[in-house]
Amino acid sequence: MNKQLNYFALACLLVLSASLTGCVKFKQTMTLMPDGSGKLDLSIALSDQLVQMAQQQGENPFDDMDPKKLNEDSKGIVAFTKPVKKKEGGYTYLSFSAYFDDINAVELGSPDDDEKPTKFTYTKDGKAATLTVEKSMVLSAVADHEPIAPGDKAIATQMTAGMLFSETYNLPGSFEAIKGVKSDGQTATLEMTQAHMLEGTGPIKDLKDVEKLVFKITEVREDAEAMKAFKAELQAAKKEWEAMKEAAEEE
């Protein structure tokens, strides 16, 4: 592998699709509350073949998923959950969540990475609101995509079987449609699959010239019960995160 797998340096994952070094499934789901707080749920799956390749080179591709490391490589995240790992169907899955009080303070990216970090801007105007995402994972994949030569299609197909980059936003209200983005009520989803990469279709075609994701929320829906439940979840996550940091310092 020519780059380490660092969650916040999402562009590193995209290199895999270009260099055909293995099969990756990456899912990112953001839940944004009306006040700008929320969480990111993340899941990364590496094929057994890719994990073995990394281990043969003396690397553990999940090392950078350690909460302490993730905390060092981010801004605005107030709590991480303990990563959970499982093996299933020829893949090793690792998942965790990251919470924030204010999406405007969040930056995702390694300080050692030459790429600009992922940033967010959330503004409200009366009942309406706008969420802007800079350095979207899928948009980065679209920008980095290069057509696959006919003679390389066979090996590309073999090496990227099952590949999936999925980016979902659960927004605090319905939003204006964006070409290339699936919408379902208050949920927006961008996906890049193996077929999209091989054929240059889907988001690669529809989002080719899009530099930022701009979600124009037509009416923010306030839900007192949902907000109360999330705040309780957030406080519990912060408490657990403090305990995790204390335990790490004692090791």
Protein backbone atom coordinates (compact mmCIF):
# COMPACT_ATOMS: atom_id res chain seq x y z
CA MET A 1 0.00 0.00 0.00
CA ASN A 2 1.41 3.38 -0.93
CA LYS A 3 -0.41 5.33 1.79
CA GLN A 4 -1.55 4.55 5.30
CA LEU A 5 -5.25 4.24 5.98
CA ASN A 6 -6.06 7.27 8.08
CA TYR A 7 -9.78 7.88 8.57
CA PHE A 8 -9.58 11.64 8.52
CA ALA A 9 -7.28 11.68 5.51
CA LEU A 10 -10.11 10.29 3.42
CA ALA A 11 -8.30 10.93 0.18
CA CYS A 12 -5.87 8.16 1.08
CA LEU A 13 -8.63 5.64 0.56
CA LEU A 14 -9.33 7.04 -2.86
CA VAL A 15 -5.81 6.20 -3.97
CA LEU A 16 -6.77 2.55 -3.74
CA SER A 17 -9.28 2.93 -6.55
CA ALA A 18 -6.71 4.53 -8.81
CA SER A 19 -3.78 2.22 -8.07
CA LEU A 20 -5.94 -0.92 -7.97
CA THR A 21 -4.21 -2.19 -4.83
CA GLY A 22 -7.20 -3.87 -3.26
CA CYS A 23 -10.84 -3.79 -2.31
CA VAL A 24 -12.24 -1.21 0.10
CA LYS A 25 -15.71 -0.42 1.35
CA PHE A 26 -16.02 2.92 3.12
CA LYS A 27 -19.25 4.32 4.52
CA GLN A 28 -19.58 7.72 6.17
CA THR A 29 -22.87 8.94 7.62
CA MET A 30 -23.33 12.38 9.12
CA THR A 31 -26.33 13.22 11.29
CA LEU A 32 -26.74 16.98 11.64
CA MET A 33 -29.05 18.42 14.27
CA PRO A 34 -30.85 21.79 13.82
CA ASP A 35 -28.42 23.57 16.18
CA GLY A 36 -25.32 22.41 14.29
CA SER A 37 -24.33 19.60 16.63
CA GLY A 38 -24.25 16.00 15.45
CA LYS A 39 -22.15 12.95 14.77
CA LEU A 40 -20.29 11.01 12.12
CA ASP A 41 -20.73 7.23 11.90
CA LEU A 42 -17.93 5.55 9.98
CA SER A 43 -17.28 2.06 8.72
CA ILE A 44 -14.27 0.88 6.73
CA ALA A 45 -13.93 -2.65 5.36
CA LEU A 46 -10.75 -4.06 3.84
CA SER A 47 -10.64 -7.31 1.94
CA ASP A 48 -8.63 -10.16 3.44
CA GLN A 49 -6.30 -9.92 0.45
CA LEU A 50 -5.59 -6.24 1.09
CA VAL A 51 -5.00 -6.80 4.81
CA GLN A 52 -2.59 -9.63 4.02
CA MET A 53 -0.70 -7.45 1.54
CA ALA A 54 -0.27 -4.77 4.21
CA GLN A 55 0.84 -7.25 6.84
CA GLN A 56 3.42 -8.70 4.48
CA GLN A 57 4.90 -5.20 4.31
CA GLY A 58 4.96 -4.98 8.10
CA GLU A 59 1.96 -2.64 8.31
CA ASN A 60 -1.33 -2.81 10.17
CA PRO A 61 -3.78 -0.90 7.97
CA PHE A 62 -5.98 -0.12 10.98
CA ASP A 63 -3.28 1.47 13.15
CA ASP A 64 -4.38 5.01 12.33
CA MET A 65 -7.92 4.22 13.51
CA ASP A 66 -6.83 4.43 17.14
CA PRO A 67 -9.00 7.06 18.91
CA LYS A 68 -5.95 8.89 20.30
CA LYS A 69 -4.47 9.20 16.80
CA LEU A 70 -7.83 10.26 15.37
CA ASN A 71 -8.11 12.96 18.02
CA GLU A 72 -4.69 14.34 17.08
CA ASP A 73 -5.65 14.51 13.42
CA SER A 74 -8.92 16.41 13.81
CA LYS A 75 -10.48 19.61 15.07
CA GLY A 76 -13.92 20.16 16.56
CA ILE A 77 -14.55 16.51 17.50
CA VAL A 78 -15.59 16.32 21.16
CA ALA A 79 -15.90 12.54 21.55
CA PHE A 80 -14.99 9.31 19.80
CA THR A 81 -16.42 5.89 20.46
CA LYS A 82 -14.22 2.82 20.76
CA PRO A 83 -13.68 1.26 17.32
CA VAL A 84 -15.40 -2.09 16.84
CA LYS A 85 -13.80 -4.67 14.55
CA LYS A 86 -15.40 -7.73 12.97
CA LYS A 87 -14.67 -10.19 10.14
CA GLU A 88 -17.39 -11.06 7.69
CA GLY A 89 -17.61 -12.30 4.10
CA GLY A 90 -13.91 -12.00 3.32
CA TYR A 91 -13.58 -8.52 4.83
CA THR A 92 -12.42 -7.00 8.09
CA TYR A 93 -14.79 -4.23 9.17
CA LEU A 94 -13.95 -1.47 11.61
CA SER A 95 -16.53 1.10 12.72
CA PHE A 96 -16.79 3.97 15.18
CA SER A 97 -18.52 7.31 15.72
CA ALA A 98 -17.25 10.88 16.20
CA TYR A 99 -19.38 13.57 17.87
CA PHE A 100 -19.29 17.35 17.53
CA ASP A 101 -20.92 20.31 19.28
CA ASP A 102 -20.59 22.63 16.28
CA ILE A 103 -20.14 21.41 12.72
CA ASN A 104 -18.51 24.74 11.82
CA ALA A 105 -15.56 23.90 14.09
CA VAL A 106 -14.93 20.49 12.54
CA GLU A 107 -11.91 19.81 10.34
CA LEU A 108 -11.09 16.29 9.21
CA GLY A 109 -7.59 15.61 7.97
CA SER A 110 -4.09 14.78 9.05
CA PRO A 111 -1.71 17.71 9.69
CA ASP A 112 0.90 15.66 7.80
CA ASP A 113 -1.32 15.41 4.74
CA ASP A 114 -0.62 17.76 1.84
CA GLU A 115 -4.31 17.87 0.99
CA LYS A 116 -6.63 20.45 2.50
CA PRO A 117 -8.83 19.14 5.33
CA THR A 118 -12.53 18.45 5.00
CA LYS A 119 -14.45 21.45 6.39
CA PHE A 120 -18.10 22.27 6.89
CA THR A 121 -20.12 25.48 7.01
CA TYR A 122 -23.64 25.48 8.46
CA THR A 123 -25.64 28.69 8.41
CA LYS A 124 -29.28 29.42 9.22
CA ASP A 125 -31.46 32.10 7.67
CA GLY A 126 -34.82 32.18 9.35
CA LYS A 127 -36.37 28.75 8.85
CA ALA A 128 -33.96 27.87 6.04
CA ALA A 129 -30.35 26.71 6.35
CA THR A 130 -27.36 25.76 4.22
CA LEU A 131 -24.73 23.08 4.78
CA THR A 132 -21.58 23.34 2.68
CA VAL A 133 -19.08 20.48 2.56
CA GLU A 134 -15.56 21.18 1.33
CA LYS A 135 -13.39 18.17 0.35
CA SER A 136 -16.22 15.64 0.21
CA MET A 137 -14.90 12.07 0.04
CA VAL A 138 -16.84 11.19 -3.10
CA LEU A 139 -16.08 14.52 -4.78
CA SER A 140 -12.38 13.88 -4.14
CA ALA A 141 -12.76 10.46 -5.77
CA VAL A 142 -14.46 12.05 -8.75
CA ALA A 143 -11.69 14.63 -9.12
CA ASP A 144 -8.97 11.95 -8.89
CA HIS A 145 -10.64 9.53 -11.30
CA GLU A 146 -8.80 8.60 -14.47
CA PRO A 147 -10.37 6.56 -17.28
CA ILE A 148 -9.45 2.87 -17.30
CA ALA A 149 -7.76 1.81 -20.52
CA PRO A 150 -9.54 -1.05 -22.32
CA GLY A 151 -6.54 -3.28 -21.87
CA ASP A 152 -6.58 -2.72 -18.11
CA LYS A 153 -10.29 -3.41 -17.60
CA ALA A 154 -9.89 -7.10 -16.75
CA ILE A 155 -7.35 -6.60 -13.95
CA ALA A 156 -9.19 -3.49 -12.76
CA THR A 157 -12.41 -5.46 -12.50
CA GLN A 158 -10.73 -8.21 -10.54
CA MET A 159 -8.91 -5.93 -8.13
CA THR A 160 -11.86 -3.63 -7.35
CA ALA A 161 -14.65 -6.19 -6.95
CA GLY A 162 -17.04 -4.98 -4.26
CA MET A 163 -15.52 -1.50 -4.01
CA LEU A 164 -17.86 1.07 -2.47
CA PHE A 165 -17.47 4.65 -1.26
CA SER A 166 -20.69 5.86 0.38
CA GLU A 167 -21.32 9.27 1.88
CA THR A 168 -24.66 10.02 3.58
CA TYR A 169 -26.02 13.17 5.21
CA ASN A 170 -29.05 13.08 7.50
CA LEU A 171 -30.09 16.73 7.38
CA PRO A 172 -32.41 18.66 9.73
CA GLY A 173 -34.93 19.29 6.96
CA SER A 174 -35.74 18.62 3.31
CA PHE A 175 -33.34 20.10 0.76
CA GLU A 176 -33.17 21.21 -2.84
CA ALA A 177 -32.26 18.45 -5.29
CA ILE A 178 -28.65 18.13 -6.46
CA LYS A 179 -27.83 16.26 -9.68
CA GLY A 180 -25.86 13.13 -8.88
CA VAL A 181 -27.02 13.03 -5.25
CA LYS A 182 -29.75 10.61 -4.17
CA SER A 183 -32.39 12.21 -1.97
CA ASP A 184 -34.91 10.56 0.34
CA GLY A 185 -36.76 13.05 2.49
CA GLN A 186 -34.08 14.60 4.70
CA THR A 187 -31.32 12.19 3.64
CA ALA A 188 -28.74 12.78 0.91
CA THR A 189 -26.47 10.00 -0.36
CA LEU A 190 -23.51 9.90 -2.72
CA GLU A 191 -22.08 6.56 -3.82
CA MET A 192 -19.19 5.46 -5.99
CA THR A 193 -19.16 1.80 -6.95
CA GLN A 194 -16.84 -0.40 -8.98
CA ALA A 195 -19.06 0.05 -12.05
CA HIS A 196 -18.91 3.83 -11.76
CA MET A 197 -15.11 3.78 -11.57
CA LEU A 198 -14.67 1.36 -14.46
CA GLU A 199 -17.16 3.05 -16.78
CA GLY A 200 -16.88 6.69 -15.70
CA THR A 201 -20.59 6.84 -14.91
CA GLY A 202 -22.76 7.90 -11.95
CA PRO A 203 -21.14 10.58 -9.76
CA ILE A 204 -18.04 10.62 -11.96
CA LYS A 205 -20.17 12.02 -14.76
CA ASP A 206 -22.80 13.95 -12.80
CA LEU A 207 -20.46 15.62 -10.30
CA LYS A 208 -17.42 16.11 -12.50
CA ASP A 209 -17.30 19.90 -12.18
CA VAL A 210 -18.70 20.17 -8.63
CA GLU A 211 -16.13 21.51 -6.16
CA LYS A 212 -18.31 21.64 -3.03
CA LEU A 213 -21.48 20.02 -1.81
CA VAL A 214 -24.06 22.69 -1.01
CA PHE A 215 -27.22 21.45 0.65
CA LYS A 216 -29.91 24.14 0.67
CA ILE A 217 -32.34 23.13 3.41
CA THR A 218 -35.68 24.70 2.67
CA GLU A 219 -37.07 24.47 6.20
CA VAL A 220 -35.28 23.31 9.35
CA ARG A 221 -37.53 21.00 11.33
CA GLU A 222 -37.21 21.44 15.06
CA ASP A 223 -37.96 18.31 17.09
CA ALA A 224 -37.63 18.84 20.83
CA GLU A 225 -37.78 15.15 21.70
CA ALA A 226 -35.19 14.19 19.09
CA MET A 227 -32.90 16.99 20.24
CA LYS A 228 -33.25 15.93 23.89
CA ALA A 229 -32.42 12.33 23.00
CA PHE A 230 -29.38 13.35 20.97
CA LYS A 231 -28.04 15.62 23.73
CA ALA A 232 -28.26 12.70 26.15
CA GLU A 233 -26.40 10.51 23.64
CA LEU A 234 -23.79 13.23 23.18
CA GLN A 235 -23.18 13.63 26.90
CA ALA A 236 -22.85 9.87 27.32
CA ALA A 237 -20.33 9.76 24.45
CA LYS A 238 -18.28 12.56 26.02
CA LYS A 239 -18.19 10.71 29.34
CA GLU A 240 -17.11 7.48 27.65
CA TRP A 241 -14.46 9.35 25.65
CA GLU A 242 -12.95 10.88 28.79
CA ALA A 243 -12.77 7.42 30.34
CA MET A 244 -11.05 6.07 27.23
CA LYS A 245 -8.44 8.84 27.31
CA GLU A 246 -7.74 8.26 31.00
CA ALA A 247 -7.33 4.53 30.41
CA ALA A 248 -4.91 5.22 27.53
CA GLU A 249 -2.76 7.47 29.74
CA GLU A 250 -2.48 4.73 32.36
CA GLU A 251 -1.20 2.16 29.87
